Amino acid sequence: METGIFQSAKKTIPLVLLYELLGSALITCAYQLSASRTEIDNGVRAAAFMVGWIIASTISGAHFNPALSLAVLIYERKKSYIKYYFMIITAQLVGSFLGILIEFLLARFYRVELYPEQMTINDGQLLYFKIEDNGDLTPYYARLLFSQFLASFTFFFVTLIIKYKKALSTVEDPIKGLGISLCLYCCYVLTRGSGAALNPWFGLTQSILYFGAISNQNREISDYDKIFWIYILAPFVAGACAGLFTIFHHRIESLGIEVPLSNSIINDTFRQTIIRKSQYNKQGRQTYRESTNNSKNFGVQEKSFESAEQLLLVTQE
């Protein structure tokens, strides 16, 4: 949506949808097949997003995520884009299913990376589950929901800033992609094993894969069926909040608010430097007047003096 391709030619919409579909398939495969849950895996997932960004950023905006598309839609505030939004997120959903299918055909892979690990904390209790007397696990819903919301919001907010900040408009797309990918990596790491989907379609497609695998093996669905909705809801809410907050953030920036301390130090230092240079030029001109009548040398000093005076006036204004 933010690429402007819809304004230029509606016949290019199928191309946009194709890029979003294939990009979603790419990052879904990367998410699934990097399976050991280490920082290296998070790096692989972030690198896959960067590859997709480099390929698709100038065509489709390289969202690959319906919650990010929602954030863009809210930030741009154009009703004409609503129908395109639903077309795009449908393509992303199909791409996510395609990614699941590809990784299954390539690796016959049933492991689901979405759900939280059974991490222990200092007192031996599980971080994301409460162990009941009968041995069942009850999820800490608030902890999981907040973790997913915070990581998703951070990723979407930073992405919107990089996409729309005027000061970054001249930055090359690969550099922007690198910044967004590094942010994505950090958000994955900071979720602390809570699942780190940050993408509603990951939550949906991986849950379908998980439930299908369990049903095929004639096993009972575990406590994970209680929390799959978190990985769908949290990113959408985070995307909406990120879009609204970015509007507020850019309005604050447009007011020209400056950090008083740092700017005052810089301006005072610069002003003192100009004043000293002006005084030096005055002394130099006086010396030349008294010692020589060389008009050429005097003209050089006079020009320097006038330039310093002008720069001082501009600084004071």
C-alpha atoms as a PDB file:
ATOM      1  CA  MET A   1       0.000   0.000   0.000  1.00  0.00           C
ATOM      2  CA  GLU A   2       2.686   2.485   0.933  1.00  0.00           C
ATOM      3  CA  THR A   3       4.628   1.886  -2.301  1.00  0.00           C
ATOM      4  CA  GLY A   4       2.117   3.913  -4.324  1.00  0.00           C
ATOM      5  CA  ILE A   5       1.779   1.130  -6.853  1.00  0.00           C
ATOM      6  CA  PHE A   6      -2.009   1.181  -6.571  1.00  0.00           C
ATOM      7  CA  GLN A   7      -2.153   4.803  -7.630  1.00  0.00           C
ATOM      8  CA  SER A   8       0.075   4.189 -10.644  1.00  0.00           C
ATOM      9  CA  ALA A   9      -1.705   1.218 -12.224  1.00  0.00           C
ATOM     10  CA  LYS A  10      -4.390  -1.111 -10.935  1.00  0.00           C
ATOM     11  CA  LYS A  11      -3.250  -3.818 -13.327  1.00  0.00           C
ATOM     12  CA  THR A  12      -0.177  -4.304 -11.138  1.00  0.00           C
ATOM     13  CA  ILE A  13      -2.257  -5.502  -8.178  1.00  0.00           C
ATOM     14  CA  PRO A  14      -1.808  -9.201  -9.089  1.00  0.00           C
ATOM     15  CA  LEU A  15       1.951  -8.651  -9.045  1.00  0.00           C
ATOM     16  CA  VAL A  16       1.739  -7.123  -5.562  1.00  0.00           C
ATOM     17  CA  LEU A  17      -0.325 -10.054  -4.332  1.00  0.00           C
ATOM     18  CA  LEU A  18       2.112 -12.544  -5.867  1.00  0.00           C
ATOM     19  CA  TYR A  19       5.106 -10.956  -4.125  1.00  0.00           C
ATOM     20  CA  GLU A  20       3.303 -10.920  -0.791  1.00  0.00           C
ATOM     21  CA  LEU A  21       2.277 -14.555  -1.251  1.00  0.00           C
ATOM     22  CA  LEU A  22       5.782 -15.751  -2.100  1.00  0.00           C
ATOM     23  CA  GLY A  23       7.388 -13.614   0.610  1.00  0.00           C
ATOM     24  CA  SER A  24       5.018 -15.029   3.220  1.00  0.00           C
ATOM     25  CA  ALA A  25       5.866 -18.553   2.054  1.00  0.00           C
ATOM     26  CA  LEU A  26       9.584 -17.765   2.363  1.00  0.00           C
ATOM     27  CA  ILE A  27       9.495 -16.473   5.922  1.00  0.00           C
ATOM     28  CA  THR A  28       7.118 -19.258   7.004  1.00  0.00           C
ATOM     29  CA  CYS A  29       9.562 -21.872   5.703  1.00  0.00           C
ATOM     30  CA  ALA A  30      12.437 -20.124   7.458  1.00  0.00           C
ATOM     31  CA  TYR A  31      10.473 -19.944  10.697  1.00  0.00           C
ATOM     32  CA  GLN A  32       9.548 -23.613  10.562  1.00  0.00           C
ATOM     33  CA  LEU A  33      12.820 -25.138   9.423  1.00  0.00           C
ATOM     34  CA  SER A  34      15.019 -23.250  11.898  1.00  0.00           C
ATOM     35  CA  ALA A  35      13.971 -25.559  14.669  1.00  0.00           C
ATOM     36  CA  SER A  36      16.407 -25.579  17.574  1.00  0.00           C
ATOM     37  CA  ARG A  37      15.259 -22.264  19.102  1.00  0.00           C
ATOM     38  CA  THR A  38      18.607 -20.583  19.462  1.00  0.00           C
ATOM     39  CA  GLU A  39      19.855 -17.115  18.599  1.00  0.00           C
ATOM     40  CA  ILE A  40      21.150 -18.615  15.346  1.00  0.00           C
ATOM     41  CA  ASP A  41      17.608 -19.646  14.441  1.00  0.00           C
ATOM     42  CA  ASN A  42      16.353 -16.161  15.184  1.00  0.00           C
ATOM     43  CA  GLY A  43      19.103 -14.823  12.942  1.00  0.00           C
ATOM     44  CA  VAL A  44      18.042 -17.156  10.129  1.00  0.00           C
ATOM     45  CA  ARG A  45      14.454 -15.957  10.424  1.00  0.00           C
ATOM     46  CA  ALA A  46      15.503 -12.316  10.416  1.00  0.00           C
ATOM     47  CA  ALA A  47      17.809 -12.938   7.447  1.00  0.00           C
ATOM     48  CA  ALA A  48      14.951 -14.572   5.542  1.00  0.00           C
ATOM     49  CA  PHE A  49      12.857 -11.467   6.135  1.00  0.00           C
ATOM     50  CA  MET A  50      15.688  -9.298   4.817  1.00  0.00           C
ATOM     51  CA  VAL A  51      15.914 -11.414   1.655  1.00  0.00           C
ATOM     52  CA  GLY A  52      12.191 -10.967   1.127  1.00  0.00           C
ATOM     53  CA  TRP A  53      12.498  -7.239   1.821  1.00  0.00           C
ATOM     54  CA  ILE A  54      15.261  -6.753  -0.753  1.00  0.00           C
ATOM     55  CA  ILE A  55      13.190  -8.555  -3.382  1.00  0.00           C
ATOM     56  CA  ALA A  56       9.737  -7.130  -2.685  1.00  0.00           C
ATOM     57  CA  SER A  57      10.065  -3.802  -0.865  1.00  0.00           C
ATOM     58  CA  THR A  58       9.725  -1.647  -3.991  1.00  0.00           C
ATOM     59  CA  ILE A  59       6.877  -3.771  -5.373  1.00  0.00           C
ATOM     60  CA  SER A  60       4.575  -4.671  -2.496  1.00  0.00           C
ATOM     61  CA  GLY A  61       6.112  -2.988   0.547  1.00  0.00           C
ATOM     62  CA  ALA A  62       7.375  -6.363   1.826  1.00  0.00           C
ATOM     63  CA  HIS A  63       4.882  -6.733   4.654  1.00  0.00           C
ATOM     64  CA  PHE A  64       4.422 -10.526   4.665  1.00  0.00           C
ATOM     65  CA  ASN A  65       2.364  -9.976   7.810  1.00  0.00           C
ATOM     66  CA  PRO A  66      -1.330  -8.990   8.069  1.00  0.00           C
ATOM     67  CA  ALA A  67      -0.745  -7.121  11.326  1.00  0.00           C
ATOM     68  CA  LEU A  68       1.992  -5.009   9.710  1.00  0.00           C
ATOM     69  CA  SER A  69      -0.334  -4.343   6.772  1.00  0.00           C
ATOM     70  CA  LEU A  70      -2.962  -3.225   9.303  1.00  0.00           C
ATOM     71  CA  ALA A  71      -0.457  -0.840  10.890  1.00  0.00           C
ATOM     72  CA  VAL A  72       0.328   0.628   7.456  1.00  0.00           C
ATOM     73  CA  LEU A  73      -3.381   0.967   6.640  1.00  0.00           C
ATOM     74  CA  ILE A  74      -4.087   2.815   9.891  1.00  0.00           C
ATOM     75  CA  TYR A  75      -1.074   5.085   9.488  1.00  0.00           C
ATOM     76  CA  GLU A  76      -1.957   6.075   5.922  1.00  0.00           C
ATOM     77  CA  ARG A  77      -5.647   6.598   6.792  1.00  0.00           C
ATOM     78  CA  LYS A  78      -6.977   6.082   3.254  1.00  0.00           C
ATOM     79  CA  LYS A  79     -10.365   4.400   2.961  1.00  0.00           C
ATOM     80  CA  SER A  80      -9.668   3.441  -0.649  1.00  0.00           C
ATOM     81  CA  TYR A  81      -6.985   1.036   0.582  1.00  0.00           C
ATOM     82  CA  ILE A  82      -9.340  -1.044   2.741  1.00  0.00           C
ATOM     83  CA  LYS A  83     -10.349  -3.414  -0.047  1.00  0.00           C
ATOM     84  CA  TYR A  84      -6.713  -3.809  -1.078  1.00  0.00           C
ATOM     85  CA  TYR A  85      -5.841  -4.603   2.521  1.00  0.00           C
ATOM     86  CA  PHE A  86      -8.134  -7.618   2.561  1.00  0.00           C
ATOM     87  CA  MET A  87      -6.735  -8.772  -0.770  1.00  0.00           C
ATOM     88  CA  ILE A  88      -3.188  -8.493   0.543  1.00  0.00           C
ATOM     89  CA  ILE A  89      -3.773 -10.322   3.819  1.00  0.00           C
ATOM     90  CA  THR A  90      -5.550 -13.096   1.913  1.00  0.00           C
ATOM     91  CA  ALA A  91      -2.478 -13.494  -0.284  1.00  0.00           C
ATOM     92  CA  GLN A  92      -0.320 -13.555   2.847  1.00  0.00           C
ATOM     93  CA  LEU A  93      -2.480 -16.285   4.364  1.00  0.00           C
ATOM     94  CA  VAL A  94      -2.230 -18.406   1.215  1.00  0.00           C
ATOM     95  CA  GLY A  95       1.536 -17.836   1.244  1.00  0.00           C
ATOM     96  CA  SER A  96       1.800 -18.974   4.844  1.00  0.00           C
ATOM     97  CA  PHE A  97      -0.098 -22.174   4.031  1.00  0.00           C
ATOM     98  CA  LEU A  98       2.176 -22.645   1.024  1.00  0.00           C
ATOM     99  CA  GLY A  99       5.223 -22.312   3.268  1.00  0.00           C
ATOM    100  CA  ILE A 100       3.861 -24.966   5.628  1.00  0.00           C
ATOM    101  CA  LEU A 101       3.210 -27.264   2.655  1.00  0.00           C
ATOM    102  CA  ILE A 102       6.693 -26.741   1.212  1.00  0.00           C
ATOM    103  CA  GLU A 103       8.486 -27.484   4.461  1.00  0.00           C
ATOM    104  CA  PHE A 104       6.330 -30.574   4.993  1.00  0.00           C
ATOM    105  CA  LEU A 105       7.062 -31.882   1.491  1.00  0.00           C
ATOM    106  CA  LEU A 106      10.775 -31.159   1.847  1.00  0.00           C
ATOM    107  CA  ALA A 107      11.340 -32.397   5.382  1.00  0.00           C
ATOM    108  CA  ARG A 108       8.187 -34.190   6.549  1.00  0.00           C
ATOM    109  CA  PHE A 109       8.452 -31.820   9.468  1.00  0.00           C
ATOM    110  CA  TYR A 110       5.825 -31.891  12.212  1.00  0.00           C
ATOM    111  CA  ARG A 111       7.508 -29.817  14.870  1.00  0.00           C
ATOM    112  CA  VAL A 112       5.690 -26.593  15.653  1.00  0.00           C
ATOM    113  CA  GLU A 113       7.841 -23.637  16.650  1.00  0.00           C
ATOM    114  CA  LEU A 114       4.965 -21.449  17.707  1.00  0.00           C
ATOM    115  CA  TYR A 115       4.159 -22.505  21.250  1.00  0.00           C
ATOM    116  CA  PRO A 116       6.122 -21.562  24.381  1.00  0.00           C
ATOM    117  CA  GLU A 117       8.888 -23.614  25.884  1.00  0.00           C
ATOM    118  CA  GLN A 118       8.535 -25.075  29.357  1.00  0.00           C
ATOM    119  CA  MET A 119      11.155 -22.752  30.805  1.00  0.00           C
ATOM    120  CA  THR A 120      11.834 -22.772  34.534  1.00  0.00           C
ATOM    121  CA  ILE A 121      12.537 -19.783  36.754  1.00  0.00           C
ATOM    122  CA  ASN A 122      14.495 -19.479  40.008  1.00  0.00           C
ATOM    123  CA  ASP A 123      12.045 -21.308  42.250  1.00  0.00           C
ATOM    124  CA  GLY A 124      11.694 -24.224  39.840  1.00  0.00           C
ATOM    125  CA  GLN A 125       8.297 -23.122  38.575  1.00  0.00           C
ATOM    126  CA  LEU A 126       7.536 -22.901  34.875  1.00  0.00           C
ATOM    127  CA  LEU A 127       7.685 -19.446  33.358  1.00  0.00           C
ATOM    128  CA  TYR A 128       4.631 -19.699  31.120  1.00  0.00           C
ATOM    129  CA  PHE A 129       2.587 -22.464  32.765  1.00  0.00           C
ATOM    130  CA  LYS A 130       1.236 -23.280  36.198  1.00  0.00           C
ATOM    131  CA  ILE A 131       1.527 -26.922  37.217  1.00  0.00           C
ATOM    132  CA  GLU A 132      -1.746 -28.094  38.710  1.00  0.00           C
ATOM    133  CA  ASP A 133      -2.042 -30.795  41.388  1.00  0.00           C
ATOM    134  CA  ASN A 134      -3.141 -33.350  38.805  1.00  0.00           C
ATOM    135  CA  GLY A 135      -0.151 -32.554  36.592  1.00  0.00           C
ATOM    136  CA  ASP A 136      -2.015 -30.469  34.027  1.00  0.00           C
ATOM    137  CA  LEU A 137      -0.544 -27.202  32.803  1.00  0.00           C
ATOM    138  CA  THR A 138      -2.502 -23.957  33.002  1.00  0.00           C
ATOM    139  CA  PRO A 139      -1.042 -21.153  30.868  1.00  0.00           C
ATOM    140  CA  TYR A 140      -0.235 -17.744  32.294  1.00  0.00           C
ATOM    141  CA  TYR A 141      -2.368 -15.953  29.721  1.00  0.00           C
ATOM    142  CA  ALA A 142      -1.451 -12.396  30.702  1.00  0.00           C
ATOM    143  CA  ARG A 143       2.286 -13.095  30.573  1.00  0.00           C
ATOM    144  CA  LEU A 144       2.068 -14.725  27.156  1.00  0.00           C
ATOM    145  CA  LEU A 145      -0.257 -12.072  25.770  1.00  0.00           C
ATOM    146  CA  PHE A 146       1.868  -9.174  26.982  1.00  0.00           C
ATOM    147  CA  SER A 147       5.075 -10.772  25.685  1.00  0.00           C
ATOM    148  CA  GLN A 148       3.610 -11.229  22.207  1.00  0.00           C
ATOM    149  CA  PHE A 149       2.032  -7.773  22.184  1.00  0.00           C
ATOM    150  CA  LEU A 150       5.193  -5.977  23.297  1.00  0.00           C
ATOM    151  CA  ALA A 151       7.472  -7.718  20.802  1.00  0.00           C
ATOM    152  CA  SER A 152       4.992  -7.271  17.942  1.00  0.00           C
ATOM    153  CA  PHE A 153       4.368  -3.608  18.765  1.00  0.00           C
ATOM    154  CA  THR A 154       8.087  -2.848  18.877  1.00  0.00           C
ATOM    155  CA  PHE A 155       8.701  -4.513  15.526  1.00  0.00           C
ATOM    156  CA  PHE A 156       5.779  -2.769  13.804  1.00  0.00           C
ATOM    157  CA  PHE A 157       6.562   0.640  15.303  1.00  0.00           C
ATOM    158  CA  VAL A 158      10.212   0.554  14.244  1.00  0.00           C
ATOM    159  CA  THR A 159       9.232  -0.688  10.785  1.00  0.00           C
ATOM    160  CA  LEU A 160       6.791   2.187  10.305  1.00  0.00           C
ATOM    161  CA  ILE A 161       9.393   4.727  11.399  1.00  0.00           C
ATOM    162  CA  ILE A 162      11.922   3.345   8.920  1.00  0.00           C
ATOM    163  CA  LYS A 163       9.320   3.310   6.147  1.00  0.00           C
ATOM    164  CA  TYR A 164       7.881   6.785   6.697  1.00  0.00           C
ATOM    165  CA  LYS A 165      10.447   8.975   8.455  1.00  0.00           C
ATOM    166  CA  LYS A 166      11.327  11.803   6.056  1.00  0.00           C
ATOM    167  CA  ALA A 167      14.939  11.919   7.187  1.00  0.00           C
ATOM    168  CA  LEU A 168      15.330   8.310   6.001  1.00  0.00           C
ATOM    169  CA  SER A 169      13.706   8.837   2.596  1.00  0.00           C
ATOM    170  CA  THR A 170      17.095   8.904   0.859  1.00  0.00           C
ATOM    171  CA  VAL A 171      18.370   5.734   2.531  1.00  0.00           C
ATOM    172  CA  GLU A 172      18.698   2.764   0.187  1.00  0.00           C
ATOM    173  CA  ASP A 173      16.141  -0.026   0.603  1.00  0.00           C
ATOM    174  CA  PRO A 174      18.708  -2.737   1.516  1.00  0.00           C
ATOM    175  CA  ILE A 175      19.939  -0.566   4.405  1.00  0.00           C
ATOM    176  CA  LYS A 176      16.371  -0.094   5.615  1.00  0.00           C
ATOM    177  CA  GLY A 177      15.848  -3.839   5.329  1.00  0.00           C
ATOM    178  CA  LEU A 178      18.934  -4.463   7.432  1.00  0.00           C
ATOM    179  CA  GLY A 179      17.626  -2.170  10.165  1.00  0.00           C
ATOM    180  CA  ILE A 180      14.205  -3.815  10.188  1.00  0.00           C
ATOM    181  CA  SER A 181      15.752  -7.295  10.206  1.00  0.00           C
ATOM    182  CA  LEU A 182      17.957  -6.430  13.184  1.00  0.00           C
ATOM    183  CA  CYS A 183      14.878  -5.168  15.016  1.00  0.00           C
ATOM    184  CA  LEU A 184      13.045  -8.396  14.167  1.00  0.00           C
ATOM    185  CA  TYR A 185      15.952 -10.440  15.512  1.00  0.00           C
ATOM    186  CA  CYS A 186      15.939  -8.498  18.790  1.00  0.00           C
ATOM    187  CA  CYS A 187      12.179  -8.923  19.165  1.00  0.00           C
ATOM    188  CA  TYR A 188      12.472 -12.671  18.615  1.00  0.00           C
ATOM    189  CA  VAL A 189      15.181 -12.943  21.274  1.00  0.00           C
ATOM    190  CA  LEU A 190      13.370 -10.773  23.828  1.00  0.00           C
ATOM    191  CA  THR A 191      10.229 -12.918  23.760  1.00  0.00           C
ATOM    192  CA  ARG A 192      12.133 -15.370  25.981  1.00  0.00           C
ATOM    193  CA  GLY A 193      10.817 -18.591  24.501  1.00  0.00           C
ATOM    194  CA  SER A 194       7.163 -17.547  24.530  1.00  0.00           C
ATOM    195  CA  GLY A 195       6.676 -18.495  20.889  1.00  0.00           C
ATOM    196  CA  ALA A 196       7.771 -15.355  19.055  1.00  0.00           C
ATOM    197  CA  ALA A 197       5.262 -15.477  16.230  1.00  0.00           C
ATOM    198  CA  LEU A 198       4.711 -11.707  15.754  1.00  0.00           C
ATOM    199  CA  ASN A 199       2.530 -12.745  12.819  1.00  0.00           C
ATOM    200  CA  PRO A 200      -1.133 -13.817  13.087  1.00  0.00           C
ATOM    201  CA  TRP A 201      -0.911 -16.144  10.105  1.00  0.00           C
ATOM    202  CA  PHE A 202       1.964 -18.001  11.772  1.00  0.00           C
ATOM    203  CA  GLY A 203      -0.351 -18.532  14.710  1.00  0.00           C
ATOM    204  CA  LEU A 204      -3.143 -19.849  12.508  1.00  0.00           C
ATOM    205  CA  THR A 205      -1.202 -22.057  10.093  1.00  0.00           C
ATOM    206  CA  GLN A 206       1.096 -23.579  12.704  1.00  0.00           C
ATOM    207  CA  SER A 207      -1.850 -24.341  14.961  1.00  0.00           C
ATOM    208  CA  ILE A 208      -3.562 -26.147  12.092  1.00  0.00           C
ATOM    209  CA  LEU A 209      -0.353 -28.089  11.448  1.00  0.00           C
ATOM    210  CA  TYR A 210      -0.006 -28.943  15.131  1.00  0.00           C
ATOM    211  CA  PHE A 211      -3.582 -30.087  15.606  1.00  0.00           C
ATOM    212  CA  GLY A 212      -3.457 -32.025  12.349  1.00  0.00           C
ATOM    213  CA  ALA A 213      -0.259 -33.802  13.349  1.00  0.00           C
ATOM    214  CA  ILE A 214      -1.663 -34.785  16.743  1.00  0.00           C
ATOM    215  CA  SER A 215      -4.910 -36.002  15.219  1.00  0.00           C
ATOM    216  CA  ASN A 216      -2.986 -38.058  12.662  1.00  0.00           C
ATOM    217  CA  GLN A 217      -1.005 -39.700  15.461  1.00  0.00           C
ATOM    218  CA  ASN A 218      -4.164 -40.413  17.506  1.00  0.00           C
ATOM    219  CA  ARG A 219      -2.925 -38.323  20.420  1.00  0.00           C
ATOM    220  CA  GLU A 220      -4.914 -35.963  22.586  1.00  0.00           C
ATOM    221  CA  ILE A 221      -4.500 -32.261  22.035  1.00  0.00           C
ATOM    222  CA  SER A 222      -2.409 -30.846  24.864  1.00  0.00           C
ATOM    223  CA  ASP A 223      -2.743 -27.607  26.772  1.00  0.00           C
ATOM    224  CA  TYR A 224      -1.471 -25.687  23.751  1.00  0.00           C
ATOM    225  CA  ASP A 225      -4.995 -25.594  22.336  1.00  0.00           C
ATOM    226  CA  LYS A 226      -5.817 -23.074  25.085  1.00  0.00           C
ATOM    227  CA  ILE A 227      -3.377 -20.437  23.896  1.00  0.00           C
ATOM    228  CA  PHE A 228      -3.203 -20.523  20.094  1.00  0.00           C
ATOM    229  CA  TRP A 229      -5.596 -17.550  19.933  1.00  0.00           C
ATOM    230  CA  ILE A 230      -2.951 -15.374  21.643  1.00  0.00           C
ATOM    231  CA  TYR A 231      -0.666 -15.667  18.632  1.00  0.00           C
ATOM    232  CA  ILE A 232      -3.463 -14.471  16.362  1.00  0.00           C
ATOM    233  CA  LEU A 233      -4.954 -11.704  18.498  1.00  0.00           C
ATOM    234  CA  ALA A 234      -1.839 -10.099  20.014  1.00  0.00           C
ATOM    235  CA  PRO A 235      -0.123  -9.145  16.717  1.00  0.00           C
ATOM    236  CA  PHE A 236      -3.325  -7.634  15.299  1.00  0.00           C
ATOM    237  CA  VAL A 237      -3.842  -5.504  18.415  1.00  0.00           C
ATOM    238  CA  ALA A 238      -0.164  -4.535  18.368  1.00  0.00           C
ATOM    239  CA  GLY A 239      -0.398  -3.567  14.690  1.00  0.00           C
ATOM    240  CA  ALA A 240      -3.381  -1.305  15.321  1.00  0.00           C
ATOM    241  CA  CYS A 241      -1.652   0.337  18.288  1.00  0.00           C
ATOM    242  CA  ALA A 242       1.601   0.757  16.345  1.00  0.00           C
ATOM    243  CA  GLY A 243      -0.204   2.496  13.482  1.00  0.00           C
ATOM    244  CA  LEU A 244      -1.949   4.918  15.847  1.00  0.00           C
ATOM    245  CA  PHE A 245       1.162   5.591  17.909  1.00  0.00           C
ATOM    246  CA  THR A 246       3.263   6.261  14.806  1.00  0.00           C
ATOM    247  CA  ILE A 247       0.768   8.951  13.759  1.00  0.00           C
ATOM    248  CA  PHE A 248       1.201  10.581  17.177  1.00  0.00           C
ATOM    249  CA  HIS A 249       4.977  10.146  17.043  1.00  0.00           C
ATOM    250  CA  HIS A 250       5.339  11.844  13.660  1.00  0.00           C
ATOM    251  CA  ARG A 251       3.089  14.708  14.736  1.00  0.00           C
ATOM    252  CA  ILE A 252       5.360  15.288  17.709  1.00  0.00           C
ATOM    253  CA  GLU A 253       8.371  15.243  15.393  1.00  0.00           C
ATOM    254  CA  SER A 254       6.698  17.734  13.055  1.00  0.00           C
ATOM    255  CA  LEU A 255       6.498  20.264  15.906  1.00  0.00           C
ATOM    256  CA  GLY A 256      10.260  20.595  15.790  1.00  0.00           C
ATOM    257  CA  ILE A 257      10.751  19.717  19.446  1.00  0.00           C
ATOM    258  CA  GLU A 258      14.447  19.578  20.307  1.00  0.00           C
ATOM    259  CA  VAL A 259      16.391  18.191  23.234  1.00  0.00           C
ATOM    260  CA  PRO A 260      17.260  21.370  25.181  1.00  0.00           C
ATOM    261  CA  LEU A 261      20.435  20.187  26.887  1.00  0.00           C
ATOM    262  CA  SER A 262      22.276  18.692  23.938  1.00  0.00           C
ATOM    263  CA  ASN A 263      21.270  21.411  21.482  1.00  0.00           C
ATOM    264  CA  SER A 264      22.097  24.252  23.883  1.00  0.00           C
ATOM    265  CA  ILE A 265      25.569  22.855  24.457  1.00  0.00           C
ATOM    266  CA  ILE A 266      26.182  22.454  20.743  1.00  0.00           C
ATOM    267  CA  ASN A 267      24.799  25.896  19.874  1.00  0.00           C
ATOM    268  CA  ASP A 268      26.691  27.666  22.675  1.00  0.00           C
ATOM    269  CA  THR A 269      29.950  26.003  21.671  1.00  0.00           C
ATOM    270  CA  PHE A 270      29.415  26.891  18.026  1.00  0.00           C
ATOM    271  CA  ARG A 271      28.448  30.473  18.891  1.00  0.00           C
ATOM    272  CA  GLN A 272      31.551  30.952  21.038  1.00  0.00           C
ATOM    273  CA  THR A 273      33.699  29.627  18.214  1.00  0.00           C
ATOM    274  CA  ILE A 274      32.195  32.129  15.773  1.00  0.00           C
ATOM    275  CA  ILE A 275      32.613  34.991  18.242  1.00  0.00           C
ATOM    276  CA  ARG A 276      36.284  34.136  18.751  1.00  0.00           C
ATOM    277  CA  LYS A 277      36.780  33.938  15.006  1.00  0.00           C
ATOM    278  CA  SER A 278      35.097  37.326  14.567  1.00  0.00           C
ATOM    279  CA  GLN A 279      37.304  38.905  17.223  1.00  0.00           C
ATOM    280  CA  TYR A 280      40.365  37.387  15.613  1.00  0.00           C
ATOM    281  CA  ASN A 281      39.375  38.848  12.247  1.00  0.00           C
ATOM    282  CA  LYS A 282      38.822  42.273  13.807  1.00  0.00           C
ATOM    283  CA  GLN A 283      42.259  42.188  15.392  1.00  0.00           C
ATOM    284  CA  GLY A 284      43.794  40.989  12.156  1.00  0.00           C
ATOM    285  CA  ARG A 285      42.165  43.755  10.172  1.00  0.00           C
ATOM    286  CA  GLN A 286      43.366  46.377  12.650  1.00  0.00           C
ATOM    287  CA  THR A 287      46.906  44.991  12.448  1.00  0.00           C
ATOM    288  CA  TYR A 288      46.881  45.079   8.684  1.00  0.00           C
ATOM    289  CA  ARG A 289      45.578  48.640   8.655  1.00  0.00           C
ATOM    290  CA  GLU A 290      48.423  49.773  10.868  1.00  0.00           C
ATOM    291  CA  SER A 291      51.242  47.750   9.308  1.00  0.00           C
ATOM    292  CA  THR A 292      50.572  47.677   5.556  1.00  0.00           C
ATOM    293  CA  ASN A 293      48.620  49.275   2.786  1.00  0.00           C
ATOM    294  CA  ASN A 294      48.500  46.079   0.786  1.00  0.00           C
ATOM    295  CA  SER A 295      44.930  46.223  -0.480  1.00  0.00           C
ATOM    296  CA  LYS A 296      44.954  42.667  -1.758  1.00  0.00           C
ATOM    297  CA  ASN A 297      45.778  41.156   1.624  1.00  0.00           C
ATOM    298  CA  PHE A 298      43.408  43.527   3.319  1.00  0.00           C
ATOM    299  CA  GLY A 299      40.612  42.479   0.943  1.00  0.00           C
ATOM    300  CA  VAL A 300      41.076  38.845   1.923  1.00  0.00           C
ATOM    301  CA  GLN A 301      40.827  39.660   5.612  1.00  0.00           C
ATOM    302  CA  GLU A 302      37.831  41.926   5.070  1.00  0.00           C
ATOM    303  CA  LYS A 303      36.020  39.158   3.230  1.00  0.00           C
ATOM    304  CA  SER A 304      36.785  36.717   6.010  1.00  0.00           C
ATOM    305  CA  PHE A 305      35.513  39.166   8.593  1.00  0.00           C
ATOM    306  CA  GLU A 306      32.282  39.808   6.768  1.00  0.00           C
ATOM    307  CA  SER A 307      31.670  36.091   6.334  1.00  0.00           C
ATOM    308  CA  ALA A 308      32.149  35.456  10.056  1.00  0.00           C
ATOM    309  CA  GLU A 309      29.847  38.347  10.933  1.00  0.00           C
ATOM    310  CA  GLN A 310      27.145  36.968   8.665  1.00  0.00           C
ATOM    311  CA  LEU A 311      27.509  33.470  10.126  1.00  0.00           C
ATOM    312  CA  LEU A 312      27.264  34.902  13.640  1.00  0.00           C
ATOM    313  CA  LEU A 313      24.039  36.735  12.796  1.00  0.00           C
ATOM    314  CA  VAL A 314      22.514  33.565  11.341  1.00  0.00           C
ATOM    315  CA  THR A 315      23.497  31.579  14.438  1.00  0.00           C
ATOM    316  CA  GLN A 316      22.021  34.168  16.791  1.00  0.00           C
ATOM    317  CA  GLU A 317      18.744  34.203  14.876  1.00  0.00           C
END
